[in-house]
N, C-alpha and C. Protein backbone atom coordinates (compact mmCIF):
# COMPACT_ATOMS: atom_id res chain seq x y z
N UNK A 1 25.98 -11.71 -17.44
CA UNK A 1 25.19 -11.18 -17.29
C UNK A 1 23.96 -11.99 -16.75
N UNK A 2 23.52 -13.25 -17.27
CA UNK A 2 22.69 -14.01 -17.02
C UNK A 2 23.21 -14.55 -15.49
N UNK A 3 24.45 -14.76 -15.51
CA UNK A 3 24.53 -15.25 -13.93
C UNK A 3 24.60 -14.35 -12.83
N UNK A 4 24.73 -12.97 -13.06
CA UNK A 4 24.42 -12.01 -12.23
C UNK A 4 22.79 -12.17 -12.02
N UNK A 5 22.11 -12.28 -12.92
CA UNK A 5 20.64 -12.17 -12.93
C UNK A 5 20.09 -13.39 -12.07
N UNK A 6 21.00 -14.60 -12.52
CA UNK A 6 20.47 -15.58 -11.61
C UNK A 6 20.87 -15.53 -10.44
N UNK A 7 22.15 -15.13 -9.82
CA UNK A 7 22.49 -14.98 -8.59
C UNK A 7 21.76 -14.08 -7.88
N UNK A 8 21.02 -12.99 -8.51
CA UNK A 8 20.21 -12.14 -7.84
C UNK A 8 18.85 -12.57 -7.68
N UNK A 9 18.19 -13.58 -8.42
CA UNK A 9 16.79 -14.15 -8.06
C UNK A 9 17.00 -15.00 -7.25
N UNK A 10 18.04 -15.85 -7.23
CA UNK A 10 18.16 -16.69 -5.74
C UNK A 10 18.57 -16.29 -4.53
N UNK A 11 18.87 -14.82 -4.54
CA UNK A 11 18.84 -14.41 -3.12
C UNK A 11 17.75 -13.55 -2.80
N UNK A 12 16.76 -13.65 -3.52
CA UNK A 12 15.50 -12.91 -3.16
C UNK A 12 14.57 -13.28 -2.21
N UNK A 13 14.14 -12.56 -1.26
CA UNK A 13 13.40 -13.56 -0.09
C UNK A 13 12.14 -13.50 -0.41
N UNK A 14 11.37 -14.63 -0.86
CA UNK A 14 10.30 -14.55 -1.58
C UNK A 14 8.94 -14.66 -0.54
N UNK A 15 9.47 -14.91 0.64
CA UNK A 15 8.24 -14.12 1.67
C UNK A 15 8.06 -12.89 1.62
N UNK A 16 9.14 -12.18 1.70
CA UNK A 16 9.51 -10.62 1.97
C UNK A 16 8.85 -10.12 0.25
N UNK A 17 9.08 -10.54 -0.63
CA UNK A 17 8.49 -10.20 -1.85
C UNK A 17 6.94 -10.56 -2.04
N UNK A 18 6.39 -11.62 -1.64
CA UNK A 18 4.93 -11.80 -1.62
C UNK A 18 4.04 -10.98 -0.60
N UNK A 19 5.27 -10.53 0.32
CA UNK A 19 4.18 -9.49 1.15
C UNK A 19 4.04 -8.28 0.73
N UNK A 20 5.41 -7.98 0.20
CA UNK A 20 5.52 -6.57 -0.87
C UNK A 20 4.30 -6.46 -1.93
N UNK A 21 4.33 -7.50 -2.35
CA UNK A 21 3.23 -7.65 -4.00
C UNK A 21 1.60 -7.71 -3.35
N UNK A 22 1.44 -8.17 -1.98
CA UNK A 22 0.24 -8.47 -1.51
C UNK A 22 0.03 -7.09 -0.99
N UNK A 23 0.66 -6.27 -0.44
CA UNK A 23 0.53 -4.97 0.25
C UNK A 23 0.24 -4.08 -0.88
N UNK A 24 0.92 -3.97 -1.87
CA UNK A 24 0.97 -3.01 -3.02
C UNK A 24 -0.65 -3.37 -3.70
N UNK A 25 -1.06 -4.72 -3.73
CA UNK A 25 -2.43 -5.04 -4.31
C UNK A 25 -3.55 -4.65 -3.47
N UNK A 26 -3.54 -4.42 -2.28
CA UNK A 26 -4.43 -4.16 -1.17
C UNK A 26 -4.74 -2.86 -1.47
N UNK A 27 -3.22 -2.23 -1.59
CA UNK A 27 -3.52 -0.81 -1.28
C UNK A 27 -3.88 0.05 -2.67
N UNK A 28 -3.90 -0.98 -4.09
CA UNK A 28 -4.69 -0.38 -5.32
C UNK A 28 -6.10 -0.72 -5.08
N UNK A 29 -6.48 -1.79 -4.26
CA UNK A 29 -7.88 -1.84 -4.36
C UNK A 29 -8.61 -1.04 -3.57
N UNK A 30 -7.93 -0.31 -2.58
CA UNK A 30 -8.19 0.61 -1.69
C UNK A 30 -8.27 1.88 -2.21
N UNK A 31 -7.18 2.42 -2.94
CA UNK A 31 -6.80 3.55 -3.15
C UNK A 31 -7.82 4.27 -4.17
N UNK A 32 -8.53 3.51 -5.32
CA UNK A 32 -9.24 3.91 -6.19
C UNK A 32 -10.27 4.24 -5.34
N UNK A 33 -11.18 3.66 -4.86
CA UNK A 33 -12.85 4.27 -4.53
C UNK A 33 -12.32 5.02 -2.96
N UNK A 34 -11.10 5.29 -2.24
CA UNK A 34 -10.87 6.27 -1.29
C UNK A 34 -10.92 7.33 -1.88
N UNK A 35 -9.58 7.54 -3.02
CA UNK A 35 -9.55 8.48 -3.80
C UNK A 35 -10.98 9.51 -4.27
N UNK A 36 -12.00 8.24 -4.66
CA UNK A 36 -12.81 8.93 -5.47
C UNK A 36 -14.02 9.63 -4.34
N UNK A 37 -13.89 9.24 -3.26
CA UNK A 37 -14.69 9.46 -1.95
C UNK A 37 -14.10 10.77 -1.21
N UNK A 38 -12.78 10.90 -1.43
CA UNK A 38 -11.89 12.23 -0.68
C UNK A 38 -12.20 13.44 -1.76
N UNK A 39 -11.89 13.11 -3.12
CA UNK A 39 -12.37 13.90 -4.12
C UNK A 39 -13.54 14.34 -4.17
N UNK A 40 -14.75 13.71 -3.89
CA UNK A 40 -15.88 14.38 -3.85
C UNK A 40 -16.56 14.91 -2.73
N UNK A 41 -15.81 14.40 -2.02
CA UNK A 41 -15.92 15.29 -0.66
C UNK A 41 -15.53 16.56 -0.30
N UNK A 42 -14.00 16.86 -1.06
CA UNK A 42 -13.69 18.31 -1.12
C UNK A 42 -14.12 18.97 -2.42
N UNK A 43 -14.77 18.32 -3.19
CA UNK A 43 -15.53 18.88 -4.30
C UNK A 43 -16.82 19.83 -3.71
N UNK A 44 -17.25 18.49 -2.70
CA UNK A 44 -18.62 18.95 -2.28
C UNK A 44 -18.66 20.24 -1.25
N UNK A 45 -17.42 20.58 -0.46
CA UNK A 45 -17.30 21.50 0.36
C UNK A 45 -16.29 22.73 -0.18
N UNK A 46 -16.33 22.41 -1.82
CA UNK A 46 -15.59 23.48 -2.19
C UNK A 46 -14.15 23.92 -1.50
N UNK A 47 -13.52 22.89 -1.65
CA UNK A 47 -12.13 23.01 -1.03
C UNK A 47 -11.17 23.49 -1.89
N UNK A 48 -10.25 24.09 -1.74
CA UNK A 48 -9.47 24.92 -2.71
C UNK A 48 -8.63 23.44 -3.08
N UNK A 49 -7.80 23.57 -4.18
CA UNK A 49 -6.87 22.74 -4.43
C UNK A 49 -5.35 22.08 -3.37
N UNK A 50 -5.18 23.52 -2.77
CA UNK A 50 -4.30 22.92 -1.71
C UNK A 50 -4.86 22.35 -0.55
N UNK A 51 -6.23 22.71 -0.27
CA UNK A 51 -6.86 21.69 0.98
C UNK A 51 -7.16 20.48 0.45
N UNK A 52 -7.61 20.29 -0.99
CA UNK A 52 -7.84 18.83 -1.30
C UNK A 52 -6.43 18.14 -1.13
N UNK A 53 -5.44 18.76 -1.63
CA UNK A 53 -4.09 18.00 -1.52
C UNK A 53 -3.72 17.43 -0.14
N UNK A 54 -3.88 18.49 0.77
CA UNK A 54 -3.66 18.19 2.02
C UNK A 54 -4.49 17.09 2.47
N UNK A 55 -5.62 17.28 2.41
CA UNK A 55 -6.64 16.11 2.98
C UNK A 55 -6.20 14.76 2.27
N UNK A 56 -6.36 14.76 1.13
CA UNK A 56 -5.65 13.64 0.61
C UNK A 56 -4.45 12.81 0.98
N UNK A 57 -3.68 13.25 0.91
CA UNK A 57 -2.55 13.25 1.67
C UNK A 57 -2.39 12.72 2.84
N UNK A 58 -2.91 13.56 3.62
CA UNK A 58 -3.29 13.19 5.03
C UNK A 58 -3.93 11.73 5.27
N UNK A 59 -5.11 11.48 4.42
CA UNK A 59 -6.35 10.32 4.28
C UNK A 59 -5.21 9.22 3.91
N UNK A 60 -4.56 9.63 2.67
CA UNK A 60 -3.66 8.17 2.03
C UNK A 60 -2.68 7.56 2.97
N UNK A 61 -1.91 8.59 3.95
CA UNK A 61 -1.08 8.24 4.44
C UNK A 61 -1.41 7.50 5.92
N UNK A 62 -2.42 7.82 6.54
CA UNK A 62 -2.89 6.75 7.64
C UNK A 62 -3.59 5.93 7.23
N UNK A 63 -4.11 5.89 6.13
CA UNK A 63 -4.74 4.48 5.67
C UNK A 63 -3.35 3.32 5.19
N UNK A 64 -2.37 3.98 4.77
CA UNK A 64 -1.32 3.01 4.01
C UNK A 64 -0.97 2.69 5.47
N UNK A 65 -0.83 3.46 6.35
CA UNK A 65 -0.22 2.79 7.78
C UNK A 65 -0.93 1.91 8.40
N UNK A 66 -2.30 2.03 8.48
CA UNK A 66 -3.18 1.01 9.33
C UNK A 66 -3.00 -0.14 7.60
N UNK A 67 -3.21 -0.11 6.85
CA UNK A 67 -3.21 -0.99 5.82
C UNK A 67 -1.71 -2.14 5.93
N UNK A 68 -0.61 -1.19 5.87
CA UNK A 68 0.75 -2.32 6.15
C UNK A 68 0.66 -2.80 7.47
N UNK A 69 0.34 -2.02 8.59
CA UNK A 69 0.18 -2.48 9.83
C UNK A 69 -0.52 -4.20 9.70
N UNK A 70 -1.73 -4.12 8.94
CA UNK A 70 -2.52 -5.10 9.27
C UNK A 70 -1.77 -6.57 8.22
N UNK A 71 -1.35 -5.92 7.34
CA UNK A 71 -0.82 -6.84 6.38
C UNK A 71 0.63 -7.73 6.78
N UNK A 72 1.34 -6.42 7.60
CA UNK A 72 2.47 -6.99 8.09
C UNK A 72 1.63 -8.23 9.59
N UNK A 73 1.03 -8.00 10.18
CA UNK A 73 0.40 -8.65 11.16
C UNK A 73 -0.30 -10.21 10.49
N UNK A 74 -0.74 -10.02 9.27
CA UNK A 74 -1.11 -11.57 8.50
C UNK A 74 0.11 -12.22 8.28
N UNK A 75 1.19 -11.78 7.79
CA UNK A 75 1.94 -12.36 7.55
C UNK A 75 3.12 -12.67 8.41
N UNK A 76 3.07 -12.19 9.74
CA UNK A 76 4.07 -12.45 10.72
C UNK A 76 3.20 -13.61 11.24
N UNK A 77 1.77 -13.77 11.71
CA UNK A 77 1.26 -15.04 11.94
C UNK A 77 1.38 -16.38 11.10
N UNK A 78 1.48 -15.86 9.80
CA UNK A 78 1.79 -17.19 8.66
C UNK A 78 2.97 -17.60 9.03
N UNK A 79 4.01 -16.64 9.43
CA UNK A 79 5.27 -17.17 9.40
C UNK A 79 5.56 -17.99 10.81
N UNK A 80 4.96 -17.14 12.02
CA UNK A 80 4.61 -17.97 13.19
C UNK A 80 3.91 -19.51 13.13
N UNK A 81 3.15 -19.46 12.34
CA UNK A 81 2.19 -21.35 12.13
C UNK A 81 2.97 -21.77 11.13
N UNK A 82 3.89 -21.40 10.65
CA UNK A 82 4.77 -22.46 9.82
C UNK A 82 4.75 -22.06 8.56
């Protein structure tokens, strides 16, 4: 079991892991204020639960796509620069 774990850890792409952890960290920092904002806006306009859910899902998806693109570009530039 220990040997299997050691083999797995040796095969991990450390740059990919660092990129993944960075992306998640940025996502967490963005998510809290963004969800607070979206929920308050939906509450202000008396949106139904279904509407609030659709709006929040749409906003989070769009922000996640942009965030992932930006994180990928930063790491790609790092790979090219050495």
